[in-house]
Protein backbone atom coordinates (compact mmCIF):
# COMPACT_ATOMS: atom_id res chain seq x y z
CA MET A 1 -21.83 83.84 128.27
CA LYS A 2 -22.29 80.66 130.31
CA GLU A 3 -23.11 81.35 133.98
CA VAL A 4 -21.51 78.90 136.41
CA LYS A 5 -21.98 79.04 140.20
CA ILE A 6 -19.06 78.08 142.44
CA VAL A 7 -18.66 78.09 146.24
CA GLY A 8 -15.75 77.78 148.65
CA VAL A 9 -14.55 78.89 152.06
CA PRO A 10 -13.32 82.51 152.44
CA GLU A 11 -9.75 81.34 153.06
CA HIS A 12 -6.34 81.87 151.46
CA PHE A 13 -6.42 78.48 149.67
CA ASN A 14 -8.95 79.93 147.24
CA LEU A 15 -7.11 83.09 146.17
CA PRO A 16 -6.17 81.48 142.79
CA TRP A 17 -9.90 81.36 141.91
CA HIS A 18 -10.42 85.01 142.83
CA MET A 19 -7.39 86.07 140.81
CA CYS A 20 -8.63 84.25 137.70
CA ILE A 21 -12.10 85.77 138.09
CA GLU A 22 -10.76 89.29 138.73
CA ASN A 23 -8.32 89.04 135.81
CA GLY A 24 -11.20 88.14 133.49
CA GLU A 25 -9.70 84.80 132.47
CA PHE A 26 -13.01 82.92 132.58
CA HIS A 27 -14.84 85.76 130.81
CA GLU A 28 -12.34 85.53 127.95
CA VAL A 29 -13.59 82.02 127.16
CA GLY A 30 -17.28 82.85 127.61
CA ILE A 31 -17.72 81.72 131.23
CA ASP A 32 -19.30 83.94 133.89
CA LEU A 33 -17.97 82.20 137.02
CA LYS A 34 -19.93 83.51 140.02
CA TRP A 35 -18.12 82.88 143.31
CA THR A 36 -19.93 82.72 146.68
CA ASP A 37 -18.04 82.55 149.98
CA VAL A 38 -19.44 79.95 152.39
CA PRO A 39 -17.95 80.64 155.86
CA GLU A 40 -19.97 77.74 157.33
CA GLY A 41 -17.74 75.34 155.37
CA THR A 42 -18.15 71.87 153.92
CA GLY A 43 -21.44 70.79 155.49
CA LYS A 44 -23.19 73.86 154.09
CA MET A 45 -21.56 73.41 150.67
CA CYS A 46 -22.75 69.79 150.51
CA GLN A 47 -26.25 71.05 151.23
CA MET A 48 -25.93 73.63 148.43
CA LEU A 49 -24.82 70.97 145.92
CA ARG A 50 -27.75 68.75 146.91
CA ALA A 51 -30.20 71.66 146.56
CA ASN A 52 -28.83 72.78 143.14
CA GLU A 53 -27.77 76.10 144.67
CA THR A 54 -24.26 75.76 143.24
CA ASP A 55 -22.65 73.92 140.33
CA ILE A 56 -19.14 73.55 141.76
CA ALA A 57 -17.74 73.37 145.30
CA ILE A 58 -14.13 73.62 146.48
CA ILE A 59 -14.65 71.32 149.39
CA LEU A 60 -12.94 69.16 152.04
CA THR A 61 -12.15 65.67 150.78
CA GLU A 62 -13.50 63.75 153.77
CA GLY A 63 -16.67 65.85 153.93
CA ILE A 64 -17.70 65.39 150.31
CA ILE A 65 -16.89 61.66 150.30
CA LYS A 66 -19.04 61.26 153.39
CA ASP A 67 -21.92 63.19 151.80
CA LEU A 68 -21.70 61.41 148.43
CA ASN A 69 -21.66 58.09 150.25
CA GLU A 70 -25.28 58.82 151.23
CA ASN A 71 -26.46 60.68 148.11
CA GLN A 72 -24.50 60.59 144.85
CA HIS A 73 -25.52 64.06 143.69
CA SER A 74 -22.05 65.16 142.54
CA SER A 75 -18.68 63.89 141.36
CA ILE A 76 -15.12 64.63 142.43
CA ILE A 77 -13.28 65.76 139.30
CA GLN A 78 -9.93 66.87 140.72
CA ILE A 79 -7.81 67.43 143.81
CA PHE A 80 -7.44 71.18 144.40
CA VAL A 81 -4.97 71.18 147.33
CA LYS A 82 -2.95 67.99 147.75
CA SER A 83 -1.17 68.86 151.01
CA PRO A 84 -2.91 68.06 154.31
CA LEU A 85 -5.07 70.61 156.10
CA ILE A 86 -3.55 71.48 159.46
CA TRP A 87 -6.46 71.67 161.89
CA GLY A 88 -5.72 73.75 164.97
CA ILE A 89 -7.37 72.52 168.18
CA HIS A 90 -8.58 75.65 169.96
CA VAL A 91 -10.03 76.48 173.36
CA ASP A 92 -11.22 79.77 174.80
CA GLY A 93 -8.33 82.15 175.46
CA LYS A 94 -9.17 82.19 179.19
CA ALA A 95 -9.83 78.44 179.52
CA GLU A 96 -7.81 76.33 181.94
CA TYR A 97 -7.20 73.64 179.31
CA ASN A 98 -3.55 73.50 178.23
CA SER A 99 -3.28 70.28 176.22
CA VAL A 100 -5.35 68.08 173.92
CA ALA A 101 -5.44 65.45 176.70
CA ASP A 102 -7.51 67.88 178.80
CA LEU A 103 -10.31 67.76 176.20
CA GLU A 104 -11.37 64.11 176.46
CA ASN A 105 -15.18 63.91 176.94
CA LYS A 106 -15.44 67.69 176.53
CA VAL A 107 -17.87 69.45 174.13
CA SER A 108 -16.59 69.94 170.58
CA ALA A 109 -17.91 72.99 168.71
CA ILE A 110 -18.61 72.13 165.05
CA SER A 111 -19.95 74.16 162.15
CA ARG A 112 -22.58 71.50 161.43
CA MET A 113 -23.00 67.73 161.36
CA GLY A 114 -21.06 66.26 158.44
CA SER A 115 -18.69 69.22 158.29
CA GLY A 116 -14.91 68.96 158.41
CA SER A 117 -14.88 70.21 162.00
CA HIS A 118 -17.30 67.39 162.91
CA LEU A 119 -15.45 64.61 161.05
CA MET A 120 -12.01 65.74 162.21
CA SER A 121 -13.20 65.85 165.85
CA ILE A 122 -13.82 62.12 165.48
CA VAL A 123 -10.48 61.54 163.70
CA ASN A 124 -8.75 63.47 166.51
CA ALA A 125 -10.56 61.44 169.18
CA GLU A 126 -9.38 58.19 167.59
CA LYS A 127 -5.83 59.54 167.30
CA ASN A 128 -5.87 60.16 171.07
CA ASN A 129 -7.49 56.80 171.91
CA TRP A 130 -10.71 58.41 173.15
CA ASN A 131 -14.15 56.85 172.78
CA THR A 132 -15.28 58.14 169.38
CA ASN A 133 -18.95 57.29 170.05
CA ASN A 134 -19.41 59.63 173.01
CA ILE A 135 -18.15 63.00 171.79
CA PRO A 136 -20.64 65.76 172.75
CA PHE A 137 -21.10 68.24 169.87
CA GLU A 138 -22.36 71.81 169.80
CA VAL A 139 -23.34 73.17 166.36
CA VAL A 140 -22.00 76.75 165.97
CA ASN A 141 -22.26 77.33 162.17
CA ASN A 142 -18.96 79.18 161.67
CA LEU A 143 -15.91 80.77 163.27
CA ASP A 144 -17.90 83.65 164.79
CA GLY A 145 -20.31 81.10 166.22
CA ALA A 146 -17.43 79.28 167.89
CA VAL A 147 -16.25 82.51 169.53
CA ALA A 148 -19.77 83.11 170.87
CA SER A 149 -20.13 79.48 171.98
CA PHE A 150 -16.91 79.70 174.03
CA SER A 151 -17.94 82.97 175.67
CA GLU A 152 -21.33 81.46 176.60
CA GLY A 153 -19.69 78.33 177.99
CA LYS A 154 -21.57 76.02 175.59
CA SER A 155 -18.50 74.26 174.17
CA ASP A 156 -14.92 73.51 175.16
CA TYR A 157 -12.89 73.17 171.97
CA PHE A 158 -13.10 73.96 168.27
CA MET A 159 -11.11 72.57 165.34
CA TRP A 160 -10.48 74.88 162.37
CA GLU A 161 -7.68 75.55 159.88
CA LYS A 162 -4.80 76.84 162.01
CA PHE A 163 -3.77 79.83 159.88
CA THR A 164 -7.34 81.09 159.46
CA THR A 165 -7.70 81.15 163.25
CA LYS A 166 -4.17 82.46 163.94
CA PRO A 167 -5.28 86.13 164.33
CA LEU A 168 -7.72 84.99 167.05
CA VAL A 169 -4.91 83.07 168.78
CA ASP A 170 -2.63 86.12 168.53
CA ASN A 171 -5.20 88.44 170.11
CA GLY A 172 -6.02 86.01 172.93
CA THR A 173 -9.58 85.13 171.86
CA PHE A 174 -8.47 81.52 171.29
CA LYS A 175 -5.69 79.41 172.72
CA ARG A 176 -4.35 76.66 170.45
CA VAL A 177 -3.52 73.53 172.44
CA GLY A 178 -2.69 71.18 169.57
CA GLU A 179 -2.91 70.33 165.87
CA CYS A 180 -4.40 67.50 163.82
CA PRO A 181 -3.36 67.24 160.14
CA THR A 182 -5.63 65.41 157.70
CA PRO A 183 -4.03 62.13 156.60
CA TRP A 184 -5.00 62.88 152.96
CA PRO A 185 -5.19 65.76 150.42
CA CYS A 186 -7.43 68.42 151.92
CA PHE A 187 -9.49 70.08 149.16
CA VAL A 188 -11.12 68.64 146.04
CA ILE A 189 -13.28 70.10 143.27
CA ALA A 190 -16.79 68.60 143.25
CA VAL A 191 -19.36 69.22 140.51
CA ARG A 192 -23.07 68.49 140.48
CA ASN A 193 -23.70 65.48 138.21
CA GLU A 194 -26.59 67.13 136.38
CA PHE A 195 -24.45 70.17 135.56
CA LEU A 196 -21.44 68.03 134.62
CA ALA A 197 -23.44 65.87 132.20
CA GLU A 198 -24.43 68.95 130.20
CA ASN A 199 -21.25 71.02 130.59
CA GLU A 200 -18.22 68.74 130.42
CA SER A 201 -16.39 70.99 127.95
CA VAL A 202 -17.10 74.05 130.15
CA MET A 203 -15.66 72.23 133.18
CA ALA A 204 -12.59 71.19 131.17
CA LEU A 205 -11.98 74.87 130.32
CA ILE A 206 -12.43 75.93 133.95
CA LEU A 207 -9.89 73.31 135.09
CA GLU A 208 -7.44 74.36 132.39
CA ILE A 209 -7.55 77.98 133.59
CA ILE A 210 -7.35 77.31 137.34
CA ASN A 211 -4.63 74.67 136.93
CA ALA A 212 -2.43 77.05 134.95
CA THR A 213 -2.73 79.54 137.83
CA THR A 214 -2.15 77.10 140.72
CA GLU A 215 0.87 75.63 138.96
CA GLU A 216 2.69 78.97 139.11
CA PHE A 217 0.87 80.53 142.08
CA LYS A 218 3.78 80.39 144.54
CA TYR A 219 6.06 82.13 142.04
CA ILE A 220 3.84 85.20 141.53
CA PRO A 221 5.87 88.24 142.68
CA SER A 222 4.97 89.34 146.23
CA ILE A 223 2.17 86.75 146.47
CA ASP A 224 2.96 86.39 150.18
CA ARG A 225 2.26 90.10 150.74
CA THR A 226 -0.93 89.95 148.66
CA LEU A 227 -2.19 87.01 150.74
CA ALA A 228 -1.22 88.61 154.05
CA THR A 229 -3.03 91.85 153.20
CA ARG A 230 -6.13 90.24 151.72
CA TYR A 231 -6.63 87.70 154.50
CA HIS A 232 -5.46 89.89 157.42
CA GLN A 233 -2.56 87.60 158.28
CA LYS A 234 0.98 88.22 159.48
CA LEU A 235 3.51 87.96 156.66
CA GLU A 236 5.57 85.31 158.46
CA ASP A 237 2.47 83.15 159.01
CA ILE A 238 1.54 83.33 155.32
CA GLN A 239 5.13 82.48 154.33
CA GLN A 240 5.02 79.39 156.55
CA TRP A 241 1.61 78.41 155.16
CA LEU A 242 2.83 78.86 151.55
CA GLN A 243 5.82 76.61 152.22
CA GLN A 244 3.65 73.71 153.37
CA THR A 245 0.74 74.13 150.91
CA GLN A 246 0.73 72.34 147.56
CA TRP A 247 -1.97 72.75 144.94
CA SER A 248 -2.75 69.94 142.53
CA GLN A 249 -3.68 69.59 138.88
CA LYS A 250 -4.53 65.87 139.09
CA ASN A 251 -7.55 63.83 140.03
CA LEU A 252 -8.04 61.86 143.20
CA ASP A 253 -6.51 58.40 142.78
CA GLU A 254 -8.26 55.23 143.92
CA LYS A 255 -5.71 54.42 146.65
CA THR A 256 -6.21 57.82 148.34
CA TYR A 257 -9.98 57.58 147.92
CA GLN A 258 -10.00 54.20 149.68
CA ILE A 259 -7.81 55.53 152.53
CA VAL A 260 -10.39 58.27 153.20
CA GLN A 261 -13.41 55.99 152.77
CA ASN A 262 -11.96 53.22 154.94
CA LYS A 263 -11.19 55.69 157.74
CA LEU A 264 -14.73 57.09 157.61
CA PHE A 265 -16.12 53.54 157.66
CA ASP A 266 -13.87 52.42 160.54
CA LEU A 267 -15.01 55.42 162.59
CA ALA A 268 -18.68 54.63 161.82
CA ILE A 269 -19.09 58.00 160.08
CA ILE A 270 -20.39 56.08 157.03
CA SER A 271 -22.18 52.73 157.16
CA ASN A 272 -21.34 51.39 153.70
CA LYS A 273 -18.73 51.81 150.97
CA VAL A 274 -19.21 53.14 147.45
CA ALA A 275 -17.08 52.17 144.46
CA PHE A 276 -14.42 54.68 143.41
CA ASN A 277 -15.76 55.16 139.88
CA GLN A 278 -19.22 56.06 141.19
CA LEU A 279 -17.93 59.17 142.95
CA VAL A 280 -14.77 60.15 141.04
CA LYS A 281 -14.87 61.18 137.37
CA ASN A 282 -12.05 62.02 134.97
CA LEU A 283 -12.74 64.72 132.40
């Protein structure tokens, strides 16, 4: 049995992985796929890839491209979710802010530097014609940290996937004042280069299994109810999320890669550009 370590956020996007693991589909082909939830998100997962603490990460596209731009420890081998991520822009439920315009020059809570919440704060600032060089950041690690940061008055707004935070909006902990979709596919599958070099056939099998599941995922009977129960969401919210979410079975193409890299470069998030074939591999 080949042990393979994989990490991802504890969010509804990743249910196909859990279903395949729980159904024993990887075990059937001799793979012991060990999943670890990483609530801190992309910045933490990049760190885990660099430190050889995981073999695979289901990770935000902009975050991994930024990290690999500095240290080419891993390769992007496929898009996992090709639809954009809808980032909700949240403030404390009792805050006086009522629009995104109110947040210019205010403190942005982020899970960590280099995370999606960090990079998308800069993308959002540019979208609103704010000065992208002067955004004050407060590192909060995860969603619970953002709640605490708001209550302690250390930060003013927090960007996170809108459906994951919806229960906190519904109960008044957060107020959502706007949204910022990623202008590219949101999640990719990244694999440590050292692991990939020795286990290409294993990775090909893993992709074959997960792709067969994501291709038919939306048509699984009562999948909306399963998701709503498992992720503590309202059924109507999950149904809306399912409608707008599209999984992928294809690799990142060079045009999309350059769109992401050019945006990161233009916003001074990265200082140089790396060739497509250095970071993206086809199995």
